[in-house]
PDB file of N, CA and C in Angstrom:
ATOM      1  N   UNK A   1     -13.387  -2.108   0.920  1.00  0.00           N
ATOM      2  CA  UNK A   1     -14.969  -2.163  -0.090  1.00  0.00           C
ATOM      3  C   UNK A   1     -16.020  -1.263   0.600  1.00  0.00           C
ATOM      4  N   UNK A   2     -16.643  -0.693  -0.323  1.00  0.00           N
ATOM      5  CA  UNK A   2     -17.625   0.646   0.322  1.00  0.00           C
ATOM      6  C   UNK A   2     -18.599   0.269  -0.486  1.00  0.00           C
ATOM      7  N   UNK A   3     -20.214  -0.105  -0.359  1.00  0.00           N
ATOM      8  CA  UNK A   3     -21.242  -0.306  -1.117  1.00  0.00           C
ATOM      9  C   UNK A   3     -22.026   1.253  -0.291  1.00  0.00           C
ATOM     10  N   UNK A   4     -22.050   2.257  -1.515  1.00  0.00           N
ATOM     11  CA  UNK A   4     -22.409   4.064  -0.932  1.00  0.00           C
ATOM     12  C   UNK A   4     -23.778   3.867  -1.797  1.00  0.00           C
ATOM     13  N   UNK A   5     -24.241   2.927  -2.087  1.00  0.00           N
ATOM     14  CA  UNK A   5     -25.758   3.104  -2.732  1.00  0.00           C
ATOM     15  C   UNK A   5     -26.537   4.562  -1.480  1.00  0.00           C
ATOM     16  N   UNK A   6     -26.991   5.398  -2.188  1.00  0.00           N
ATOM     17  CA  UNK A   6     -27.610   6.544  -1.292  1.00  0.00           C
ATOM     18  C   UNK A   6     -26.422   7.167   0.027  1.00  0.00           C
ATOM     19  N   UNK A   7     -25.364   7.462  -0.776  1.00  0.00           N
ATOM     20  CA  UNK A   7     -24.365   8.316  -0.036  1.00  0.00           C
ATOM     21  C   UNK A   7     -24.743   9.589   0.260  1.00  0.00           C
ATOM     22  N   UNK A   8     -25.010  10.398  -0.635  1.00  0.00           N
ATOM     23  CA  UNK A   8     -25.093  11.696  -0.655  1.00  0.00           C
ATOM     24  C   UNK A   8     -26.375  11.911   0.302  1.00  0.00           C
ATOM     25  N   UNK A   9     -27.343  11.037   0.107  1.00  0.00           N
ATOM     26  CA  UNK A   9     -28.642  11.311   1.398  1.00  0.00           C
ATOM     27  C   UNK A   9     -28.277  11.096   2.734  1.00  0.00           C
ATOM     28  N   UNK A  10     -27.354   9.810   2.868  1.00  0.00           N
ATOM     29  CA  UNK A  10     -27.027   9.785   3.655  1.00  0.00           C
ATOM     30  C   UNK A  10     -26.206  10.569   4.697  1.00  0.00           C
ATOM     31  N   UNK A  11     -25.198  10.973   3.789  1.00  0.00           N
ATOM     32  CA  UNK A  11     -24.162  12.065   3.957  1.00  0.00           C
ATOM     33  C   UNK A  11     -24.916  13.708   4.673  1.00  0.00           C
ATOM     34  N   UNK A  12     -25.672  13.603   3.840  1.00  0.00           N
ATOM     35  CA  UNK A  12     -26.689  14.936   4.654  1.00  0.00           C
ATOM     36  C   UNK A  12     -27.750  14.784   5.665  1.00  0.00           C
ATOM     37  N   UNK A  13     -28.074  13.590   5.664  1.00  0.00           N
ATOM     38  CA  UNK A  13     -28.752  12.969   6.858  1.00  0.00           C
ATOM     39  C   UNK A  13     -28.057  13.145   8.284  1.00  0.00           C
ATOM     40  N   UNK A  14     -26.744  12.459   8.094  1.00  0.00           N
ATOM     41  CA  UNK A  14     -26.018  12.320   9.190  1.00  0.00           C
ATOM     42  C   UNK A  14     -25.085  13.475   9.469  1.00  0.00           C
ATOM     43  N   UNK A  15     -24.776  13.889   8.593  1.00  0.00           N
ATOM     44  CA  UNK A  15     -23.533  15.215   8.803  1.00  0.00           C
ATOM     45  C   UNK A  15     -22.269  14.511   8.997  1.00  0.00           C
ATOM     46  N   UNK A  16     -21.797  13.584   8.101  1.00  0.00           N
ATOM     47  CA  UNK A  16     -20.612  12.922   8.312  1.00  0.00           C
ATOM     48  C   UNK A  16     -19.346  13.373   8.344  1.00  0.00           C
ATOM     49  N   UNK A  17     -18.301  13.281   8.631  1.00  0.00           N
ATOM     50  CA  UNK A  17     -17.095  14.329   8.865  1.00  0.00           C
ATOM     51  C   UNK A  17     -16.020  13.563   8.126  1.00  0.00           C
ATOM     52  N   UNK A  18     -16.191  11.952   7.807  1.00  0.00           N
ATOM     53  CA  UNK A  18     -15.528  11.532   6.736  1.00  0.00           C
ATOM     54  C   UNK A  18     -16.262  11.164   5.458  1.00  0.00           C
ATOM     55  N   UNK A  19     -15.770  11.726   4.344  1.00  0.00           N
ATOM     56  CA  UNK A  19     -15.851  11.271   2.802  1.00  0.00           C
ATOM     57  C   UNK A  19     -15.635   9.954   2.526  1.00  0.00           C
ATOM     58  N   UNK A  20     -16.506   8.951   3.206  1.00  0.00           N
ATOM     59  CA  UNK A  20     -15.697   7.536   2.908  1.00  0.00           C
ATOM     60  C   UNK A  20     -15.455   7.158   1.215  1.00  0.00           C
ATOM     61  N   UNK A  21     -16.317   7.658   0.289  1.00  0.00           N
ATOM     62  CA  UNK A  21     -16.170   7.250  -1.047  1.00  0.00           C
ATOM     63  C   UNK A  21     -14.887   8.188  -1.475  1.00  0.00           C
ATOM     64  N   UNK A  22     -14.259   9.244  -0.926  1.00  0.00           N
ATOM     65  CA  UNK A  22     -13.266   9.991  -1.386  1.00  0.00           C
ATOM     66  C   UNK A  22     -12.196   8.983  -1.144  1.00  0.00           C
ATOM     67  N   UNK A  23     -12.030   8.666   0.043  1.00  0.00           N
ATOM     68  CA  UNK A  23     -10.537   7.723   0.974  1.00  0.00           C
ATOM     69  C   UNK A  23     -10.960   6.613   1.114  1.00  0.00           C
ATOM     70  N   UNK A  24     -11.534   5.724   0.182  1.00  0.00           N
ATOM     71  CA  UNK A  24     -12.352   4.236   0.975  1.00  0.00           C
ATOM     72  C   UNK A  24     -11.255   3.254   1.137  1.00  0.00           C
ATOM     73  N   UNK A  25     -11.370   1.898   1.762  1.00  0.00           N
ATOM     74  CA  UNK A  25     -10.584   1.116   2.155  1.00  0.00           C
ATOM     75  C   UNK A  25     -10.800  -0.089   1.210  1.00  0.00           C
ATOM     76  N   UNK A  26     -11.128   0.603  -0.150  1.00  0.00           N
ATOM     77  CA  UNK A  26     -11.338  -0.639  -1.420  1.00  0.00           C
ATOM     78  C   UNK A  26     -12.107  -0.006  -2.371  1.00  0.00           C
ATOM     79  N   UNK A  27     -12.486  -0.687  -3.247  1.00  0.00           N
ATOM     80  CA  UNK A  27     -13.433  -0.187  -4.117  1.00  0.00           C
ATOM     81  C   UNK A  27     -14.831   0.042  -3.921  1.00  0.00           C
ATOM     82  N   UNK A  28     -15.255   1.680  -4.468  1.00  0.00           N
ATOM     83  CA  UNK A  28     -16.429   1.863  -3.876  1.00  0.00           C
ATOM     84  C   UNK A  28     -17.706   1.702  -5.242  1.00  0.00           C
ATOM     85  N   UNK A  29     -19.038   0.845  -4.608  1.00  0.00           N
ATOM     86  CA  UNK A  29     -20.157   0.661  -5.520  1.00  0.00           C
ATOM     87  C   UNK A  29     -21.215   1.871  -5.242  1.00  0.00           C
ATOM     88  N   UNK A  30     -21.899   2.129  -6.159  1.00  0.00           N
ATOM     89  CA  UNK A  30     -23.116   2.856  -5.901  1.00  0.00           C
ATOM     90  C   UNK A  30     -24.557   2.184  -6.070  1.00  0.00           C
ATOM     91  N   UNK A  31     -24.429   1.139  -6.610  1.00  0.00           N
ATOM     92  CA  UNK A  31     -25.663   0.392  -7.060  1.00  0.00           C
ATOM     93  C   UNK A  31     -25.402  -1.141  -6.770  1.00  0.00           C
ATOM     94  N   UNK A  32     -26.446  -1.883  -6.746  1.00  0.00           N
ATOM     95  CA  UNK A  32     -26.624  -3.439  -6.836  1.00  0.00           C
ATOM     96  C   UNK A  32     -25.785  -3.875  -7.567  1.00  0.00           C
ATOM     97  N   UNK A  33     -25.786  -3.605  -8.952  1.00  0.00           N
ATOM     98  CA  UNK A  33     -25.462  -3.671 -10.174  1.00  0.00           C
ATOM     99  C   UNK A  33     -23.708  -3.808 -10.043  1.00  0.00           C
ATOM    100  N   UNK A  34     -23.409  -2.885  -9.677  1.00  0.00           N
ATOM    101  CA  UNK A  34     -21.875  -2.838  -9.674  1.00  0.00           C
ATOM    102  C   UNK A  34     -21.346  -3.419  -8.427  1.00  0.00           C
ATOM    103  N   UNK A  35     -22.037  -3.169  -7.760  1.00  0.00           N
ATOM    104  CA  UNK A  35     -21.621  -4.488  -6.327  1.00  0.00           C
ATOM    105  C   UNK A  35     -21.663  -6.332  -7.130  1.00  0.00           C
ATOM    106  N   UNK A  36     -22.784  -6.384  -7.367  1.00  0.00           N
ATOM    107  CA  UNK A  36     -22.867  -7.820  -8.151  1.00  0.00           C
ATOM    108  C   UNK A  36     -21.516  -7.803  -9.108  1.00  0.00           C
ATOM    109  N   UNK A  37     -21.271  -7.122  -9.755  1.00  0.00           N
ATOM    110  CA  UNK A  37     -20.107  -6.902 -10.826  1.00  0.00           C
ATOM    111  C   UNK A  37     -18.726  -7.271 -10.310  1.00  0.00           C
ATOM    112  N   UNK A  38     -18.751  -6.343  -8.861  1.00  0.00           N
ATOM    113  CA  UNK A  38     -17.339  -6.490  -8.399  1.00  0.00           C
ATOM    114  C   UNK A  38     -17.015  -7.456  -7.717  1.00  0.00           C
ATOM    115  N   UNK A  39     -18.530  -8.622  -7.276  1.00  0.00           N
ATOM    116  CA  UNK A  39     -18.023  -9.519  -6.408  1.00  0.00           C
ATOM    117  C   UNK A  39     -18.218 -10.698  -7.617  1.00  0.00           C
ATOM    118  N   UNK A  40     -18.658 -10.510  -8.919  1.00  0.00           N
ATOM    119  CA  UNK A  40     -19.005 -11.468 -10.141  1.00  0.00           C
ATOM    120  C   UNK A  40     -17.092 -11.449 -10.654  1.00  0.00           C
ATOM    121  N   UNK A  41     -16.847 -10.124 -10.647  1.00  0.00           N
ATOM    122  CA  UNK A  41     -15.303 -10.462 -11.573  1.00  0.00           C
ATOM    123  C   UNK A  41     -14.325 -10.661 -10.425  1.00  0.00           C
ATOM    124  N   UNK A  42     -14.455 -10.610  -8.979  1.00  0.00           N
ATOM    125  CA  UNK A  42     -13.428 -10.828  -8.530  1.00  0.00           C
ATOM    126  C   UNK A  42     -12.268  -9.343  -8.090  1.00  0.00           C
ATOM    127  N   UNK A  43     -13.006  -8.449  -8.735  1.00  0.00           N
ATOM    128  CA  UNK A  43     -12.005  -7.138  -8.548  1.00  0.00           C
ATOM    129  C   UNK A  43     -11.964  -6.678  -6.963  1.00  0.00           C
ATOM    130  N   UNK A  44     -12.727  -6.946  -6.434  1.00  0.00           N
ATOM    131  CA  UNK A  44     -12.661  -6.606  -4.912  1.00  0.00           C
ATOM    132  C   UNK A  44     -11.219  -7.181  -3.932  1.00  0.00           C
ATOM    133  N   UNK A  45     -10.784  -8.104  -4.613  1.00  0.00           N
ATOM    134  CA  UNK A  45      -9.322  -8.353  -4.135  1.00  0.00           C
ATOM    135  C   UNK A  45      -8.434  -8.161  -5.178  1.00  0.00           C
ATOM    136  N   UNK A  46      -8.261  -7.245  -6.007  1.00  0.00           N
ATOM    137  CA  UNK A  46      -7.407  -6.788  -6.891  1.00  0.00           C
ATOM    138  C   UNK A  46      -6.530  -5.852  -6.159  1.00  0.00           C
ATOM    139  N   UNK A  47      -5.167  -5.524  -7.401  1.00  0.00           N
ATOM    140  CA  UNK A  47      -4.428  -5.136  -6.948  1.00  0.00           C
ATOM    141  C   UNK A  47      -4.517  -3.622  -6.292  1.00  0.00           C
ATOM    142  N   UNK A  48      -5.726  -2.972  -7.293  1.00  0.00           N
ATOM    143  CA  UNK A  48      -6.262  -1.354  -6.944  1.00  0.00           C
ATOM    144  C   UNK A  48      -6.448  -1.762  -5.805  1.00  0.00           C
ATOM    145  N   UNK A  49      -7.646  -2.706  -5.172  1.00  0.00           N
ATOM    146  CA  UNK A  49      -8.269  -2.381  -4.231  1.00  0.00           C
ATOM    147  C   UNK A  49      -7.265  -2.709  -2.797  1.00  0.00           C
ATOM    148  N   UNK A  50      -6.420  -3.488  -2.969  1.00  0.00           N
ATOM    149  CA  UNK A  50      -5.431  -3.515  -2.001  1.00  0.00           C
ATOM    150  C   UNK A  50      -4.677  -2.222  -1.769  1.00  0.00           C
ATOM    151  N   UNK A  51      -4.058  -1.963  -2.767  1.00  0.00           N
ATOM    152  CA  UNK A  51      -3.729  -0.482  -2.496  1.00  0.00           C
ATOM    153  C   UNK A  51      -4.353   0.572  -2.145  1.00  0.00           C
ATOM    154  N   UNK A  52      -5.651   0.455  -2.142  1.00  0.00           N
ATOM    155  CA  UNK A  52      -6.786   1.370  -1.219  1.00  0.00           C
ATOM    156  C   UNK A  52      -6.741   1.102  -0.213  1.00  0.00           C
ATOM    157  N   UNK A  53      -6.784  -0.197  -0.169  1.00  0.00           N
ATOM    158  CA  UNK A  53      -6.928  -0.440   1.603  1.00  0.00           C
ATOM    159  C   UNK A  53      -5.262  -0.419   2.231  1.00  0.00           C
ATOM    160  N   UNK A  54      -4.170  -0.244   1.789  1.00  0.00           N
ATOM    161  CA  UNK A  54      -3.196   0.015   2.152  1.00  0.00           C
ATOM    162  C   UNK A  54      -3.302   1.440   2.442  1.00  0.00           C
ATOM    163  N   UNK A  55      -3.226   2.167   1.388  1.00  0.00           N
ATOM    164  CA  UNK A  55      -3.734   3.607   2.094  1.00  0.00           C
ATOM    165  C   UNK A  55      -4.424   4.094   2.935  1.00  0.00           C
ATOM    166  N   UNK A  56      -5.851   3.201   3.156  1.00  0.00           N
ATOM    167  CA  UNK A  56      -6.394   3.677   4.347  1.00  0.00           C
ATOM    168  C   UNK A  56      -6.185   3.246   5.778  1.00  0.00           C
ATOM    169  N   UNK A  57      -5.358   2.160   5.788  1.00  0.00           N
ATOM    170  CA  UNK A  57      -4.707   1.705   6.378  1.00  0.00           C
ATOM    171  C   UNK A  57      -3.373   2.725   7.444  1.00  0.00           C
ATOM    172  N   UNK A  58      -2.682   3.105   6.458  1.00  0.00           N
ATOM    173  CA  UNK A  58      -1.755   4.293   6.506  1.00  0.00           C
ATOM    174  C   UNK A  58      -2.290   5.379   7.176  1.00  0.00           C
ATOM    175  N   UNK A  59      -3.463   5.892   6.779  1.00  0.00           N
ATOM    176  CA  UNK A  59      -3.814   7.354   6.966  1.00  0.00           C
ATOM    177  C   UNK A  59      -4.783   7.073   8.187  1.00  0.00           C
ATOM    178  N   UNK A  60      -5.753   6.330   8.713  1.00  0.00           N
ATOM    179  CA  UNK A  60      -6.718   5.859   9.495  1.00  0.00           C
ATOM    180  C   UNK A  60      -6.570   4.926  10.695  1.00  0.00           C
ATOM    181  N   UNK A  61      -5.378   4.114  10.305  1.00  0.00           N
ATOM    182  CA  UNK A  61      -5.340   2.827  11.133  1.00  0.00           C
ATOM    183  C   UNK A  61      -4.189   2.827  12.263  1.00  0.00           C
ATOM    184  N   UNK A  62      -3.379   4.474  12.112  1.00  0.00           N
ATOM    185  CA  UNK A  62      -2.135   3.773  12.924  1.00  0.00           C
ATOM    186  C   UNK A  62      -1.902   3.328  14.347  1.00  0.00           C
ATOM    187  N   UNK A  63      -3.234   3.536  15.104  1.00  0.00           N
ATOM    188  CA  UNK A  63      -2.980   2.890  16.330  1.00  0.00           C
ATOM    189  C   UNK A  63      -4.247   1.978  16.562  1.00  0.00           C
ATOM    190  N   UNK A  64      -4.488   1.281  15.647  1.00  0.00           N
ATOM    191  CA  UNK A  64      -5.654  -0.026  15.295  1.00  0.00           C
ATOM    192  C   UNK A  64      -4.573  -1.425  15.210  1.00  0.00           C
ATOM    193  N   UNK A  65      -3.937  -1.448  16.196  1.00  0.00           N
ATOM    194  CA  UNK A  65      -3.121  -3.102  16.188  1.00  0.00           C
ATOM    195  C   UNK A  65      -3.934  -3.961  16.729  1.00  0.00           C
ATOM    196  N   UNK A  66      -5.415  -3.847  17.783  1.00  0.00           N
ATOM    197  CA  UNK A  66      -5.786  -5.015  18.025  1.00  0.00           C
ATOM    198  C   UNK A  66      -5.468  -4.995  19.465  1.00  0.00           C
ATOM    199  N   UNK A  67      -5.086  -3.579  20.258  1.00  0.00           N
ATOM    200  CA  UNK A  67      -5.132  -3.514  21.765  1.00  0.00           C
ATOM    201  C   UNK A  67      -5.348  -1.903  21.896  1.00  0.00           C
ATOM    202  N   UNK A  68      -6.008  -1.237  20.860  1.00  0.00           N
ATOM    203  CA  UNK A  68      -6.018   0.462  21.178  1.00  0.00           C
ATOM    204  C   UNK A  68      -7.090   0.380  22.335  1.00  0.00           C
ATOM    205  N   UNK A  69      -8.007  -0.676  22.393  1.00  0.00           N
ATOM    206  CA  UNK A  69      -9.349  -0.797  23.462  1.00  0.00           C
ATOM    207  C   UNK A  69      -8.946  -1.083  24.830  1.00  0.00           C
ATOM    208  N   UNK A  70      -7.700  -1.876  24.811  1.00  0.00           N
ATOM    209  CA  UNK A  70      -7.252  -2.373  25.887  1.00  0.00           C
ATOM    210  C   UNK A  70      -6.403  -0.658  26.737  1.00  0.00           C
ATOM    211  N   UNK A  71      -5.706  -0.035  25.824  1.00  0.00           N
ATOM    212  CA  UNK A  71      -4.832   0.672  26.250  1.00  0.00           C
ATOM    213  C   UNK A  71      -5.535   2.029  26.675  1.00  0.00           C
ATOM    214  N   UNK A  72      -7.027   2.199  26.227  1.00  0.00           N
ATOM    215  CA  UNK A  72      -7.762   3.248  26.707  1.00  0.00           C
ATOM    216  C   UNK A  72      -8.125   3.086  27.865  1.00  0.00           C
ATOM    217  N   UNK A  73      -8.888   1.586  27.956  1.00  0.00           N
ATOM    218  CA  UNK A  73      -9.408   0.950  29.675  1.00  0.00           C
ATOM    219  C   UNK A  73      -8.831   1.373  30.647  1.00  0.00           C
ATOM    220  N   UNK A  74      -7.218   0.669  30.211  1.00  0.00           N
ATOM    221  CA  UNK A  74      -6.147   0.646  31.209  1.00  0.00           C
ATOM    222  C   UNK A  74      -5.919   2.091  31.396  1.00  0.00           C
ATOM    223  N   UNK A  75      -6.141   2.900  30.468  1.00  0.00           N
ATOM    224  CA  UNK A  75      -5.502   4.734  31.244  1.00  0.00           C
ATOM    225  C   UNK A  75      -6.332   5.208  31.428  1.00  0.00           C
ATOM    226  N   UNK A  76      -8.043   5.619  31.007  1.00  0.00           N
ATOM    227  CA  UNK A  76      -8.878   6.266  31.201  1.00  0.00           C
ATOM    228  C   UNK A  76      -9.607   5.823  32.812  1.00  0.00           C
ATOM    229  N   UNK A  77      -9.834   4.471  32.691  1.00  0.00           N
ATOM    230  CA  UNK A  77     -10.437   3.475  33.801  1.00  0.00           C
ATOM    231  C   UNK A  77      -9.790   3.175  34.703  1.00  0.00           C
ATOM    232  N   UNK A  78      -8.739   2.631  34.480  1.00  0.00           N
ATOM    233  CA  UNK A  78      -7.988   1.923  35.653  1.00  0.00           C
ATOM    234  C   UNK A  78      -6.804   3.129  35.838  1.00  0.00           C
ATOM    235  N   UNK A  79      -6.367   4.191  34.895  1.00  0.00           N
ATOM    236  CA  UNK A  79      -5.144   5.137  35.710  1.00  0.00           C
ATOM    237  C   UNK A  79      -4.251   4.816  35.639  1.00  0.00           C
ATOM    238  N   UNK A  80      -3.824   3.610  34.816  1.00  0.00           N
ATOM    239  CA  UNK A  80      -2.457   2.931  34.276  1.00  0.00           C
ATOM    240  C   UNK A  80      -1.884   4.271  33.389  1.00  0.00           C
ATOM    241  N   UNK A  81      -0.379   4.373  34.090  1.00  0.00           N
ATOM    242  CA  UNK A  81       0.429   5.388  33.478  1.00  0.00           C
ATOM    243  C   UNK A  81       0.425   4.872  32.088  1.00  0.00           C
ATOM    244  N   UNK A  82       1.047   6.043  31.237  1.00  0.00           N
ATOM    245  CA  UNK A  82       1.449   5.959  29.812  1.00  0.00           C
ATOM    246  C   UNK A  82       2.330   4.232  29.542  1.00  0.00           C
ATOM    247  N   UNK A  83       3.362   4.658  30.240  1.00  0.00           N
ATOM    248  CA  UNK A  83       4.851   3.863  30.311  1.00  0.00           C
ATOM    249  C   UNK A  83       4.430   2.386  30.167  1.00  0.00           C
ATOM    250  N   UNK A  84       3.275   1.892  31.434  1.00  0.00           N
ATOM    251  CA  UNK A  84       3.022   0.950  31.572  1.00  0.00           C
ATOM    252  C   UNK A  84       1.739   0.159  30.791  1.00  0.00           C
ATOM    253  N   UNK A  85       1.140   1.134  29.725  1.00  0.00           N
ATOM    254  CA  UNK A  85       0.489   0.726  28.821  1.00  0.00           C
ATOM    255  C   UNK A  85       1.077  -0.414  27.513  1.00  0.00           C
ATOM    256  N   UNK A  86       0.602  -0.943  26.892  1.00  0.00           N
ATOM    257  CA  UNK A  86       1.419  -2.160  26.005  1.00  0.00           C
ATOM    258  C   UNK A  86       1.597  -1.043  24.586  1.00  0.00           C
ATOM    259  N   UNK A  87       2.809  -1.096  23.835  1.00  0.00           N
ATOM    260  CA  UNK A  87       3.260  -0.363  23.279  1.00  0.00           C
ATOM    261  C   UNK A  87       2.516  -0.591  21.698  1.00  0.00           C
ATOM    262  N   UNK A  88       1.851   0.477  20.951  1.00  0.00           N
ATOM    263  CA  UNK A  88       1.495   0.491  19.603  1.00  0.00           C
ATOM    264  C   UNK A  88       2.192  -0.063  18.798  1.00  0.00           C
ATOM    265  N   UNK A  89       2.117  -1.386  17.925  1.00  0.00           N
ATOM    266  CA  UNK A  89       3.041  -1.939  17.161  1.00  0.00           C
ATOM    267  C   UNK A  89       2.732  -1.206  15.609  1.00  0.00           C
ATOM    268  N   UNK A  90       4.012  -0.907  15.066  1.00  0.00           N
ATOM    269  CA  UNK A  90       3.964   0.132  14.027  1.00  0.00           C
ATOM    270  C   UNK A  90       3.010  -0.810  13.121  1.00  0.00           C
ATOM    271  N   UNK A  91       2.458   0.010  12.582  1.00  0.00           N
ATOM    272  CA  UNK A  91       1.765  -0.446  10.793  1.00  0.00           C
ATOM    273  C   UNK A  91       2.496  -1.168  10.177  1.00  0.00           C
ATOM    274  N   UNK A  92       3.816  -1.051   9.797  1.00  0.00           N
ATOM    275  CA  UNK A  92       4.710  -1.942   9.148  1.00  0.00           C
ATOM    276  C   UNK A  92       5.036  -3.240   9.385  1.00  0.00           C
ATOM    277  N   UNK A  93       4.868  -3.148  10.784  1.00  0.00           N
ATOM    278  CA  UNK A  93       5.060  -4.756  11.865  1.00  0.00           C
ATOM    279  C   UNK A  93       3.696  -5.305  11.425  1.00  0.00           C
ATOM    280  N   UNK A  94       2.765  -4.690  11.278  1.00  0.00           N
ATOM    281  CA  UNK A  94       1.205  -5.810  11.328  1.00  0.00           C
ATOM    282  C   UNK A  94       1.254  -6.844  10.126  1.00  0.00           C
ATOM    283  N   UNK A  95       0.122  -7.761  10.411  1.00  0.00           N
ATOM    284  CA  UNK A  95       0.079  -8.353   9.155  1.00  0.00           C
ATOM    285  C   UNK A  95      -1.615  -8.163   9.015  1.00  0.00           C
ATOM    286  N   UNK A  96      -1.974  -7.726   7.926  1.00  0.00           N
ATOM    287  CA  UNK A  96      -3.505  -7.501   7.739  1.00  0.00           C
ATOM    288  C   UNK A  96      -3.922  -8.831   7.589  1.00  0.00           C
ATOM    289  N   UNK A  97      -5.328  -8.875   7.657  1.00  0.00           N
ATOM    290  CA  UNK A  97      -6.045  -9.901   7.431  1.00  0.00           C
ATOM    291  C   UNK A  97      -6.141 -10.487   6.044  1.00  0.00           C
ATOM    292  N   UNK A  98      -6.228 -11.645   5.799  1.00  0.00           N
ATOM    293  CA  UNK A  98      -6.022 -11.929   4.087  1.00  0.00           C
ATOM    294  C   UNK A  98      -6.753 -11.403   3.249  1.00  0.00           C
ATOM    295  N   UNK A  99      -6.877 -11.116   1.813  1.00  0.00           N
ATOM    296  CA  UNK A  99      -8.072 -11.109   0.957  1.00  0.00           C
ATOM    297  C   UNK A  99      -9.216 -12.067   0.966  1.00  0.00           C
ATOM    298  N   UNK A 100     -10.232 -12.202   0.786  1.00  0.00           N
ATOM    299  CA  UNK A 100     -11.139 -13.445   0.592  1.00  0.00           C
ATOM    300  C   UNK A 100     -10.734 -13.640  -0.508  1.00  0.00           C
ATOM    301  N   UNK A 101     -11.175 -15.171  -0.339  1.00  0.00           N
ATOM    302  CA  UNK A 101     -10.932 -16.059  -1.650  1.00  0.00           C
ATOM    303  C   UNK A 101     -11.623 -15.364  -3.060  1.00  0.00           C
ATOM    304  N   UNK A 102     -11.286 -16.066  -4.032  1.00  0.00           N
ATOM    305  CA  UNK A 102     -11.752 -15.812  -5.296  1.00  0.00           C
ATOM    306  C   UNK A 102     -13.222 -16.539  -5.409  1.00  0.00           C
ATOM    307  N   UNK A 103     -14.068 -15.382  -5.676  1.00  0.00           N
ATOM    308  CA  UNK A 103     -15.762 -16.233  -5.609  1.00  0.00           C
ATOM    309  C   UNK A 103     -15.534 -17.691  -6.772  1.00  0.00           C
ATOM    310  N   UNK A 104     -16.757 -18.296  -6.494  1.00  0.00           N
ATOM    311  CA  UNK A 104     -16.900 -19.720  -6.821  1.00  0.00           C
ATOM    312  C   UNK A 104     -18.027 -19.239  -8.365  1.00  0.00           C
ATOM    313  N   UNK A 105     -17.251 -19.495  -9.798  1.00  0.00           N
ATOM    314  CA  UNK A 105     -17.556 -19.133 -10.396  1.00  0.00           C
ATOM    315  C   UNK A 105     -18.533 -20.777 -11.039  1.00  0.00           C
ATOM    316  N   UNK A 106     -19.862 -20.130 -11.534  1.00  0.00           N
ATOM    317  CA  UNK A 106     -21.033 -20.740 -11.945  1.00  0.00           C
ATOM    318  C   UNK A 106     -21.252 -21.346 -13.126  1.00  0.00           C
ATOM    319  N   UNK A 107     -21.159 -22.049 -13.668  1.00  0.00           N
ATOM    320  CA  UNK A 107     -21.639 -21.967 -15.155  1.00  0.00           C
ATOM    321  C   UNK A 107     -23.069 -22.092 -15.715  1.00  0.00           C
TER     322      UNK A 107
END
């Protein structure tokens, strides 16, 4: 999920290189009302959100298997050869974090 309140101003001020709302890891909200509706309705964890997260992981997280920083530190700072580094776990073999539980509904 991405809460992109003021995204246009942020993009111009920060000169971002990734249009996050165009390829988000979940639903995008633009104001507090949309954000509250997303949480209240539970759609932050629906099938569409899951598909968006999967597409985001496929596109941007191919090396993010929990050991990326270790590989960088060992290669760059310790000078270890590439062959000695832990292999990248393929995306299909990883288990993503579970989606959050459904929100409590108060009457």
